């Protein structure tokens, strides 16, 4: 059973750090919680047609939030830091950066 790459790559993570790391060909993505490094690598190569050199995965904990007397946590999520070939670029999400 083949998994759709759009189910693995959820959204780009746009922050000051991700903007700064674009110079070193690193792109940040929010990915599915059950995704592995090889799943992310295959999905990026299929969606954006670039050569992926390295994938790092970070599990992010949910933050504690409270509203009045009720408190809870935001959902956990997984972030992938994808390093691509120096002479390639991902078009689309990061176009204006």
PDB file of N, CA and C in Angstrom:
ATOM      1  N   UNK A   1       0.837  -1.184   0.000  1.00  0.00           N
ATOM      2  CA  UNK A   1       0.000   0.000   0.000  1.00  0.00           C
ATOM      3  C   UNK A   1       0.882   1.247   0.000  1.00  0.00           C
ATOM      4  N   UNK A   2       0.718   2.083  -1.003  1.00  0.00           N
ATOM      5  CA  UNK A   2       1.535   3.278  -1.136  1.00  0.00           C
ATOM      6  C   UNK A   2       0.900   4.443  -0.382  1.00  0.00           C
ATOM      7  N   UNK A   3       1.718   5.156   0.373  1.00  0.00           N
ATOM      8  CA  UNK A   3       1.263   6.311   1.138  1.00  0.00           C
ATOM      9  C   UNK A   3       1.460   7.565   0.294  1.00  0.00           C
ATOM     10  N   UNK A   4       0.447   8.423   0.284  1.00  0.00           N
ATOM     11  CA  UNK A   4       0.523   9.671  -0.456  1.00  0.00           C
ATOM     12  C   UNK A   4       1.514  10.615   0.232  1.00  0.00           C
ATOM     13  N   UNK A   5       2.441  11.224  -0.484  1.00  0.00           N
ATOM     14  CA  UNK A   5       3.418  12.135   0.145  1.00  0.00           C
ATOM     15  C   UNK A   5       2.765  13.328   0.828  1.00  0.00           C
ATOM     16  N   UNK A   6       1.580  13.715   0.378  1.00  0.00           N
ATOM     17  CA  UNK A   6       0.887  14.842   1.009  1.00  0.00           C
ATOM     18  C   UNK A   6       0.352  14.486   2.386  1.00  0.00           C
ATOM     19  N   UNK A   7       0.248  13.173   2.685  1.00  0.00           N
ATOM     20  CA  UNK A   7      -0.139  12.749   4.026  1.00  0.00           C
ATOM     21  C   UNK A   7       1.049  12.785   4.979  1.00  0.00           C
ATOM     22  N   UNK A   8       2.262  12.766   4.457  1.00  0.00           N
ATOM     23  CA  UNK A   8       3.461  12.796   5.288  1.00  0.00           C
ATOM     24  C   UNK A   8       3.898  14.231   5.556  1.00  0.00           C
ATOM     25  N   UNK A   9       3.985  15.053   4.516  1.00  0.00           N
ATOM     26  CA  UNK A   9       4.382  16.456   4.653  1.00  0.00           C
ATOM     27  C   UNK A   9       3.113  17.269   4.892  1.00  0.00           C
ATOM     28  N   UNK A  10       2.995  17.853   6.083  1.00  0.00           N
ATOM     29  CA  UNK A  10       1.772  18.579   6.432  1.00  0.00           C
ATOM     30  C   UNK A  10       1.873  20.056   6.052  1.00  0.00           C
ATOM     31  N   UNK A  11       2.946  20.723   6.486  1.00  0.00           N
ATOM     32  CA  UNK A  11       3.076  22.159   6.225  1.00  0.00           C
ATOM     33  C   UNK A  11       4.522  22.585   6.390  1.00  0.00           C
ATOM     34  N   UNK A  12       4.905  23.708   5.768  1.00  0.00           N
ATOM     35  CA  UNK A  12       6.238  24.243   6.043  1.00  0.00           C
ATOM     36  C   UNK A  12       6.237  24.948   7.400  1.00  0.00           C
ATOM     37  N   UNK A  13       7.385  24.957   8.052  1.00  0.00           N
ATOM     38  CA  UNK A  13       7.544  25.695   9.301  1.00  0.00           C
ATOM     39  C   UNK A  13       8.304  26.967   8.952  1.00  0.00           C
ATOM     40  N   UNK A  14       7.636  28.105   9.109  1.00  0.00           N
ATOM     41  CA  UNK A  14       8.243  29.374   8.739  1.00  0.00           C
ATOM     42  C   UNK A  14       8.526  30.153  10.019  1.00  0.00           C
ATOM     43  N   UNK A  15       9.804  30.351  10.286  1.00  0.00           N
ATOM     44  CA  UNK A  15      10.239  31.089  11.474  1.00  0.00           C
ATOM     45  C   UNK A  15      11.533  31.822  11.109  1.00  0.00           C
ATOM     46  N   UNK A  16      12.069  32.574  12.061  1.00  0.00           N
ATOM     47  CA  UNK A  16      13.322  33.275  11.796  1.00  0.00           C
ATOM     48  C   UNK A  16      14.458  32.287  11.542  1.00  0.00           C
ATOM     49  N   UNK A  17      14.490  31.224  12.336  1.00  0.00           N
ATOM     50  CA  UNK A  17      15.556  30.239  12.178  1.00  0.00           C
ATOM     51  C   UNK A  17      15.446  29.517  10.844  1.00  0.00           C
ATOM     52  N   UNK A  18      14.229  29.128  10.449  1.00  0.00           N
ATOM     53  CA  UNK A  18      14.072  28.437   9.169  1.00  0.00           C
ATOM     54  C   UNK A  18      14.420  29.372   8.006  1.00  0.00           C
ATOM     55  N   UNK A  19      14.097  30.644   8.158  1.00  0.00           N
ATOM     56  CA  UNK A  19      14.445  31.621   7.120  1.00  0.00           C
ATOM     57  C   UNK A  19      15.961  31.773   7.009  1.00  0.00           C
ATOM     58  N   UNK A  20      16.646  31.782   8.141  1.00  0.00           N
ATOM     59  CA  UNK A  20      18.103  31.916   8.145  1.00  0.00           C
ATOM     60  C   UNK A  20      18.768  30.664   7.552  1.00  0.00           C
ATOM     61  N   UNK A  21      18.219  29.474   7.824  1.00  0.00           N
ATOM     62  CA  UNK A  21      18.816  28.224   7.347  1.00  0.00           C
ATOM     63  C   UNK A  21      18.569  27.957   5.859  1.00  0.00           C
ATOM     64  N   UNK A  22      17.759  28.780   5.207  1.00  0.00           N
ATOM     65  CA  UNK A  22      17.558  28.611   3.761  1.00  0.00           C
ATOM     66  C   UNK A  22      18.866  28.834   3.001  1.00  0.00           C
ATOM     67  N   UNK A  23      19.760  29.648   3.566  1.00  0.00           N
ATOM     68  CA  UNK A  23      21.047  29.913   2.915  1.00  0.00           C
ATOM     69  C   UNK A  23      21.903  28.651   2.861  1.00  0.00           C
ATOM     70  N   UNK A  24      21.733  27.759   3.848  1.00  0.00           N
ATOM     71  CA  UNK A  24      22.508  26.510   3.857  1.00  0.00           C
ATOM     72  C   UNK A  24      21.679  25.341   3.332  1.00  0.00           C
ATOM     73  N   UNK A  25      20.650  25.631   2.541  1.00  0.00           N
ATOM     74  CA  UNK A  25      19.788  24.636   1.881  1.00  0.00           C
ATOM     75  C   UNK A  25      19.073  23.717   2.859  1.00  0.00           C
ATOM     76  N   UNK A  26      18.637  24.258   4.001  1.00  0.00           N
ATOM     77  CA  UNK A  26      17.855  23.487   4.973  1.00  0.00           C
ATOM     78  C   UNK A  26      16.428  24.014   4.975  1.00  0.00           C
ATOM     79  N   UNK A  27      15.485  23.097   4.886  1.00  0.00           N
ATOM     80  CA  UNK A  27      14.071  23.439   4.873  1.00  0.00           C
ATOM     81  C   UNK A  27      13.376  22.725   6.031  1.00  0.00           C
ATOM     82  N   UNK A  28      12.452  23.414   6.683  1.00  0.00           N
ATOM     83  CA  UNK A  28      11.761  22.881   7.847  1.00  0.00           C
ATOM     84  C   UNK A  28      10.314  22.571   7.476  1.00  0.00           C
ATOM     85  N   UNK A  29       9.842  21.383   7.880  1.00  0.00           N
ATOM     86  CA  UNK A  29       8.476  20.957   7.586  1.00  0.00           C
ATOM     87  C   UNK A  29       7.836  20.335   8.814  1.00  0.00           C
ATOM     88  N   UNK A  30       6.544  20.562   8.966  1.00  0.00           N
ATOM     89  CA  UNK A  30       5.759  19.824   9.946  1.00  0.00           C
ATOM     90  C   UNK A  30       5.327  18.540   9.245  1.00  0.00           C
ATOM     91  N   UNK A  31       5.608  17.392   9.877  1.00  0.00           N
ATOM     92  CA  UNK A  31       5.333  16.103   9.242  1.00  0.00           C
ATOM     93  C   UNK A  31       4.431  15.269  10.136  1.00  0.00           C
ATOM     94  N   UNK A  32       3.896  14.184   9.577  1.00  0.00           N
ATOM     95  CA  UNK A  32       3.024  13.284  10.322  1.00  0.00           C
ATOM     96  C   UNK A  32       3.800  12.673  11.485  1.00  0.00           C
ATOM     97  N   UNK A  33       3.107  12.395  12.586  1.00  0.00           N
ATOM     98  CA  UNK A  33       3.779  11.905  13.793  1.00  0.00           C
ATOM     99  C   UNK A  33       4.340  10.510  13.617  1.00  0.00           C
ATOM    100  N   UNK A  34       3.819   9.737  12.674  1.00  0.00           N
ATOM    101  CA  UNK A  34       4.325   8.382  12.463  1.00  0.00           C
ATOM    102  C   UNK A  34       5.326   8.295  11.305  1.00  0.00           C
ATOM    103  N   UNK A  35       5.751   9.439  10.765  1.00  0.00           N
ATOM    104  CA  UNK A  35       6.665   9.463   9.624  1.00  0.00           C
ATOM    105  C   UNK A  35       8.103   9.198  10.083  1.00  0.00           C
ATOM    106  N   UNK A  36       8.838   8.436   9.279  1.00  0.00           N
ATOM    107  CA  UNK A  36      10.250   8.169   9.542  1.00  0.00           C
ATOM    108  C   UNK A  36      11.101   9.041   8.625  1.00  0.00           C
ATOM    109  N   UNK A  37      12.413   8.992   8.822  1.00  0.00           N
ATOM    110  CA  UNK A  37      13.313   9.785   7.983  1.00  0.00           C
ATOM    111  C   UNK A  37      13.228   9.371   6.518  1.00  0.00           C
ATOM    112  N   UNK A  38      13.139   8.070   6.267  1.00  0.00           N
ATOM    113  CA  UNK A  38      13.058   7.613   4.876  1.00  0.00           C
ATOM    114  C   UNK A  38      11.720   7.997   4.252  1.00  0.00           C
ATOM    115  N   UNK A  39      10.636   7.972   5.029  1.00  0.00           N
ATOM    116  CA  UNK A  39       9.340   8.420   4.510  1.00  0.00           C
ATOM    117  C   UNK A  39       9.404   9.883   4.101  1.00  0.00           C
ATOM    118  N   UNK A  40      10.002  10.717   4.951  1.00  0.00           N
ATOM    119  CA  UNK A  40      10.112  12.153   4.670  1.00  0.00           C
ATOM    120  C   UNK A  40      10.991  12.377   3.448  1.00  0.00           C
ATOM    121  N   UNK A  41      12.102  11.654   3.352  1.00  0.00           N
ATOM    122  CA  UNK A  41      13.008  11.804   2.215  1.00  0.00           C
ATOM    123  C   UNK A  41      12.307  11.468   0.904  1.00  0.00           C
ATOM    124  N   UNK A  42      11.589  10.345   0.874  1.00  0.00           N
ATOM    125  CA  UNK A  42      10.880   9.947  -0.348  1.00  0.00           C
ATOM    126  C   UNK A  42       9.789  10.944  -0.711  1.00  0.00           C
ATOM    127  N   UNK A  43       9.068  11.448   0.306  1.00  0.00           N
ATOM    128  CA  UNK A  43       7.981  12.394   0.054  1.00  0.00           C
ATOM    129  C   UNK A  43       8.518  13.712  -0.509  1.00  0.00           C
ATOM    130  N   UNK A  44       9.599  14.222   0.050  1.00  0.00           N
ATOM    131  CA  UNK A  44      10.186  15.480  -0.436  1.00  0.00           C
ATOM    132  C   UNK A  44      10.700  15.306  -1.859  1.00  0.00           C
ATOM    133  N   UNK A  45      11.370  14.193  -2.135  1.00  0.00           N
ATOM    134  CA  UNK A  45      11.894  13.970  -3.477  1.00  0.00           C
ATOM    135  C   UNK A  45      10.771  13.828  -4.489  1.00  0.00           C
ATOM    136  N   UNK A  46       9.657  13.224  -4.084  1.00  0.00           N
ATOM    137  CA  UNK A  46       8.542  13.045  -5.013  1.00  0.00           C
ATOM    138  C   UNK A  46       7.761  14.340  -5.221  1.00  0.00           C
ATOM    139  N   UNK A  47       7.526  15.095  -4.145  1.00  0.00           N
ATOM    140  CA  UNK A  47       6.727  16.319  -4.256  1.00  0.00           C
ATOM    141  C   UNK A  47       7.478  17.453  -4.950  1.00  0.00           C
ATOM    142  N   UNK A  48       8.744  17.655  -4.594  1.00  0.00           N
ATOM    143  CA  UNK A  48       9.474  18.833  -5.061  1.00  0.00           C
ATOM    144  C   UNK A  48      10.550  18.522  -6.098  1.00  0.00           C
ATOM    145  N   UNK A  49      10.791  17.242  -6.387  1.00  0.00           N
ATOM    146  CA  UNK A  49      11.762  16.815  -7.397  1.00  0.00           C
ATOM    147  C   UNK A  49      13.146  17.397  -7.143  1.00  0.00           C
ATOM    148  N   UNK A  50      13.646  17.198  -5.910  1.00  0.00           N
ATOM    149  CA  UNK A  50      14.987  17.616  -5.525  1.00  0.00           C
ATOM    150  C   UNK A  50      15.716  16.417  -4.933  1.00  0.00           C
ATOM    151  N   UNK A  51      17.029  16.515  -4.827  1.00  0.00           N
ATOM    152  CA  UNK A  51      17.851  15.456  -4.232  1.00  0.00           C
ATOM    153  C   UNK A  51      18.066  15.780  -2.762  1.00  0.00           C
ATOM    154  N   UNK A  52      17.554  14.933  -1.876  1.00  0.00           N
ATOM    155  CA  UNK A  52      17.683  15.133  -0.437  1.00  0.00           C
ATOM    156  C   UNK A  52      18.986  14.501   0.037  1.00  0.00           C
ATOM    157  N   UNK A  53      19.808  15.289   0.732  1.00  0.00           N
ATOM    158  CA  UNK A  53      21.067  14.777   1.263  1.00  0.00           C
ATOM    159  C   UNK A  53      20.907  14.226   2.673  1.00  0.00           C
ATOM    160  N   UNK A  54      20.113  14.927   3.520  1.00  0.00           N
ATOM    161  CA  UNK A  54      20.009  14.534   4.912  1.00  0.00           C
ATOM    162  C   UNK A  54      18.660  14.949   5.473  1.00  0.00           C
ATOM    163  N   UNK A  55      18.127  14.141   6.423  1.00  0.00           N
ATOM    164  CA  UNK A  55      16.880  14.454   7.101  1.00  0.00           C
ATOM    165  C   UNK A  55      17.099  14.297   8.597  1.00  0.00           C
ATOM    166  N   UNK A  56      16.763  15.330   9.357  1.00  0.00           N
ATOM    167  CA  UNK A  56      16.769  15.267  10.815  1.00  0.00           C
ATOM    168  C   UNK A  56      15.338  15.424  11.295  1.00  0.00           C
ATOM    169  N   UNK A  57      14.974  14.659  12.330  1.00  0.00           N
ATOM    170  CA  UNK A  57      13.614  14.677  12.863  1.00  0.00           C
ATOM    171  C   UNK A  57      13.658  15.155  14.312  1.00  0.00           C
ATOM    172  N   UNK A  58      12.719  16.041  14.682  1.00  0.00           N
ATOM    173  CA  UNK A  58      12.603  16.540  16.043  1.00  0.00           C
ATOM    174  C   UNK A  58      11.164  16.333  16.498  1.00  0.00           C
ATOM    175  N   UNK A  59      10.986  15.673  17.645  1.00  0.00           N
ATOM    176  CA  UNK A  59       9.664  15.540  18.247  1.00  0.00           C
ATOM    177  C   UNK A  59       9.433  16.732  19.158  1.00  0.00           C
ATOM    178  N   UNK A  60       8.358  17.475  18.919  1.00  0.00           N
ATOM    179  CA  UNK A  60       8.053  18.664  19.698  1.00  0.00           C
ATOM    180  C   UNK A  60       6.935  18.343  20.698  1.00  0.00           C
ATOM    181  N   UNK A  61       7.162  18.714  21.961  1.00  0.00           N
ATOM    182  CA  UNK A  61       6.147  18.503  22.988  1.00  0.00           C
ATOM    183  C   UNK A  61       5.062  19.560  22.875  1.00  0.00           C
ATOM    184  N   UNK A  62       3.883  19.241  23.363  1.00  0.00           N
ATOM    185  CA  UNK A  62       2.807  20.211  23.403  1.00  0.00           C
ATOM    186  C   UNK A  62       3.045  21.217  24.516  1.00  0.00           C
ATOM    187  N   UNK A  63       2.644  22.451  24.287  1.00  0.00           N
ATOM    188  CA  UNK A  63       2.803  23.488  25.299  1.00  0.00           C
ATOM    189  C   UNK A  63       1.593  23.507  26.222  1.00  0.00           C
ATOM    190  N   UNK A  64       1.820  23.855  27.481  1.00  0.00           N
ATOM    191  CA  UNK A  64       0.736  23.949  28.447  1.00  0.00           C
ATOM    192  C   UNK A  64      -0.025  25.256  28.204  1.00  0.00           C
ATOM    193  N   UNK A  65      -1.321  25.149  28.072  1.00  0.00           N
ATOM    194  CA  UNK A  65      -2.173  26.308  27.844  1.00  0.00           C
ATOM    195  C   UNK A  65      -3.302  26.281  28.868  1.00  0.00           C
ATOM    196  N   UNK A  66      -3.740  27.458  29.281  1.00  0.00           N
ATOM    197  CA  UNK A  66      -4.877  27.515  30.189  1.00  0.00           C
ATOM    198  C   UNK A  66      -5.811  28.630  29.746  1.00  0.00           C
ATOM    199  N   UNK A  67      -7.084  28.388  29.961  1.00  0.00           N
ATOM    200  CA  UNK A  67      -8.102  29.373  29.638  1.00  0.00           C
ATOM    201  C   UNK A  67      -9.058  29.410  30.824  1.00  0.00           C
ATOM    202  N   UNK A  68      -8.900  30.439  31.622  1.00  0.00           N
ATOM    203  CA  UNK A  68      -9.693  30.509  32.840  1.00  0.00           C
ATOM    204  C   UNK A  68      -9.259  29.428  33.810  1.00  0.00           C
ATOM    205  N   UNK A  69     -10.211  28.650  34.271  1.00  0.00           N
ATOM    206  CA  UNK A  69      -9.856  27.589  35.217  1.00  0.00           C
ATOM    207  C   UNK A  69      -9.532  26.276  34.522  1.00  0.00           C
ATOM    208  N   UNK A  70      -9.640  26.226  33.211  1.00  0.00           N
ATOM    209  CA  UNK A  70      -9.360  25.009  32.456  1.00  0.00           C
ATOM    210  C   UNK A  70      -7.932  25.064  31.904  1.00  0.00           C
ATOM    211  N   UNK A  71      -7.241  23.949  31.985  1.00  0.00           N
ATOM    212  CA  UNK A  71      -5.893  23.905  31.436  1.00  0.00           C
ATOM    213  C   UNK A  71      -5.704  22.605  30.683  1.00  0.00           C
ATOM    214  N   UNK A  72      -4.760  22.623  29.781  1.00  0.00           N
ATOM    215  CA  UNK A  72      -4.470  21.444  28.973  1.00  0.00           C
ATOM    216  C   UNK A  72      -3.200  21.679  28.180  1.00  0.00           C
ATOM    217  N   UNK A  73      -2.992  20.858  27.188  1.00  0.00           N
ATOM    218  CA  UNK A  73      -1.787  20.937  26.371  1.00  0.00           C
ATOM    219  C   UNK A  73      -2.166  21.040  24.902  1.00  0.00           C
ATOM    220  N   UNK A  74      -1.334  21.753  24.134  1.00  0.00           N
ATOM    221  CA  UNK A  74      -1.482  21.745  22.691  1.00  0.00           C
ATOM    222  C   UNK A  74      -0.970  20.403  22.185  1.00  0.00           C
ATOM    223  N   UNK A  75      -1.343  19.986  20.995  1.00  0.00           N
ATOM    224  CA  UNK A  75      -0.919  18.666  20.508  1.00  0.00           C
ATOM    225  C   UNK A  75       0.590  18.565  20.291  1.00  0.00           C
ATOM    226  N   UNK A  76       1.115  17.348  20.461  1.00  0.00           N
ATOM    227  CA  UNK A  76       2.503  17.066  20.103  1.00  0.00           C
ATOM    228  C   UNK A  76       2.593  17.075  18.585  1.00  0.00           C
ATOM    229  N   UNK A  77       3.785  17.369  18.063  1.00  0.00           N
ATOM    230  CA  UNK A  77       3.974  17.328  16.623  1.00  0.00           C
ATOM    231  C   UNK A  77       5.427  17.008  16.298  1.00  0.00           C
ATOM    232  N   UNK A  78       5.678  16.723  15.047  1.00  0.00           N
ATOM    233  CA  UNK A  78       7.007  16.305  14.606  1.00  0.00           C
ATOM    234  C   UNK A  78       7.487  17.265  13.527  1.00  0.00           C
ATOM    235  N   UNK A  79       8.756  17.680  13.660  1.00  0.00           N
ATOM    236  CA  UNK A  79       9.359  18.605  12.704  1.00  0.00           C
ATOM    237  C   UNK A  79      10.505  17.899  11.998  1.00  0.00           C
ATOM    238  N   UNK A  80      10.581  18.084  10.677  1.00  0.00           N
ATOM    239  CA  UNK A  80      11.674  17.514   9.886  1.00  0.00           C
ATOM    240  C   UNK A  80      12.510  18.652   9.329  1.00  0.00           C
ATOM    241  N   UNK A  81      13.824  18.524   9.485  1.00  0.00           N
ATOM    242  CA  UNK A  81      14.768  19.474   8.914  1.00  0.00           C
ATOM    243  C   UNK A  81      15.438  18.760   7.741  1.00  0.00           C
ATOM    244  N   UNK A  82      15.139  19.221   6.537  1.00  0.00           N
ATOM    245  CA  UNK A  82      15.584  18.547   5.318  1.00  0.00           C
ATOM    246  C   UNK A  82      16.690  19.357   4.672  1.00  0.00           C
ATOM    247  N   UNK A  83      17.833  18.723   4.462  1.00  0.00           N
ATOM    248  CA  UNK A  83      18.955  19.351   3.764  1.00  0.00           C
ATOM    249  C   UNK A  83      18.979  18.817   2.343  1.00  0.00           C
ATOM    250  N   UNK A  84      18.930  19.738   1.377  1.00  0.00           N
ATOM    251  CA  UNK A  84      18.940  19.322  -0.026  1.00  0.00           C
ATOM    252  C   UNK A  84      20.270  19.705  -0.656  1.00  0.00           C
ATOM    253  N   UNK A  85      20.454  19.279  -1.885  1.00  0.00           N
ATOM    254  CA  UNK A  85      21.663  19.563  -2.646  1.00  0.00           C
ATOM    255  C   UNK A  85      21.851  21.076  -2.771  1.00  0.00           C
ATOM    256  N   UNK A  86      23.090  21.548  -2.695  1.00  0.00           N
ATOM    257  CA  UNK A  86      23.382  22.992  -2.676  1.00  0.00           C
ATOM    258  C   UNK A  86      22.897  23.728  -3.925  1.00  0.00           C
ATOM    259  N   UNK A  87      22.934  23.082  -5.075  1.00  0.00           N
ATOM    260  CA  UNK A  87      22.570  23.773  -6.311  1.00  0.00           C
ATOM    261  C   UNK A  87      21.081  23.657  -6.636  1.00  0.00           C
ATOM    262  N   UNK A  88      20.283  23.077  -5.747  1.00  0.00           N
ATOM    263  CA  UNK A  88      18.841  22.952  -5.976  1.00  0.00           C
ATOM    264  C   UNK A  88      18.072  23.829  -4.999  1.00  0.00           C
ATOM    265  N   UNK A  89      16.805  24.070  -5.333  1.00  0.00           N
ATOM    266  CA  UNK A  89      15.954  24.913  -4.511  1.00  0.00           C
ATOM    267  C   UNK A  89      14.540  24.362  -4.543  1.00  0.00           C
ATOM    268  N   UNK A  90      13.815  24.472  -3.428  1.00  0.00           N
ATOM    269  CA  UNK A  90      12.412  24.066  -3.400  1.00  0.00           C
ATOM    270  C   UNK A  90      11.572  25.273  -3.769  1.00  0.00           C
ATOM    271  N   UNK A  91      10.808  25.149  -4.828  1.00  0.00           N
ATOM    272  CA  UNK A  91       9.948  26.226  -5.289  1.00  0.00           C
ATOM    273  C   UNK A  91       8.591  26.107  -4.601  1.00  0.00           C
ATOM    274  N   UNK A  92       7.881  27.194  -4.459  1.00  0.00           N
ATOM    275  CA  UNK A  92       6.522  27.135  -3.919  1.00  0.00           C
ATOM    276  C   UNK A  92       6.417  27.804  -2.568  1.00  0.00           C
ATOM    277  N   UNK A  93       6.539  27.014  -1.501  1.00  0.00           N
ATOM    278  CA  UNK A  93       6.342  27.525  -0.146  1.00  0.00           C
ATOM    279  C   UNK A  93       7.304  28.673   0.181  1.00  0.00           C
ATOM    280  N   UNK A  94       8.554  28.527  -0.206  1.00  0.00           N
ATOM    281  CA  UNK A  94       9.600  29.438   0.221  1.00  0.00           C
ATOM    282  C   UNK A  94       9.977  30.426  -0.881  1.00  0.00           C
ATOM    283  N   UNK A  95       9.064  30.660  -1.797  1.00  0.00           N
ATOM    284  CA  UNK A  95       9.346  31.496  -2.965  1.00  0.00           C
ATOM    285  C   UNK A  95       9.731  32.923  -2.579  1.00  0.00           C
ATOM    286  N   UNK A  96       9.001  33.540  -1.673  1.00  0.00           N
ATOM    287  CA  UNK A  96       9.228  34.950  -1.344  1.00  0.00           C
ATOM    288  C   UNK A  96      10.294  35.165  -0.290  1.00  0.00           C
ATOM    289  N   UNK A  97      10.962  34.112   0.148  1.00  0.00           N
ATOM    290  CA  UNK A  97      11.938  34.269   1.240  1.00  0.00           C
ATOM    291  C   UNK A  97      13.326  34.509   0.694  1.00  0.00           C
TER     292      UNK A  97
END
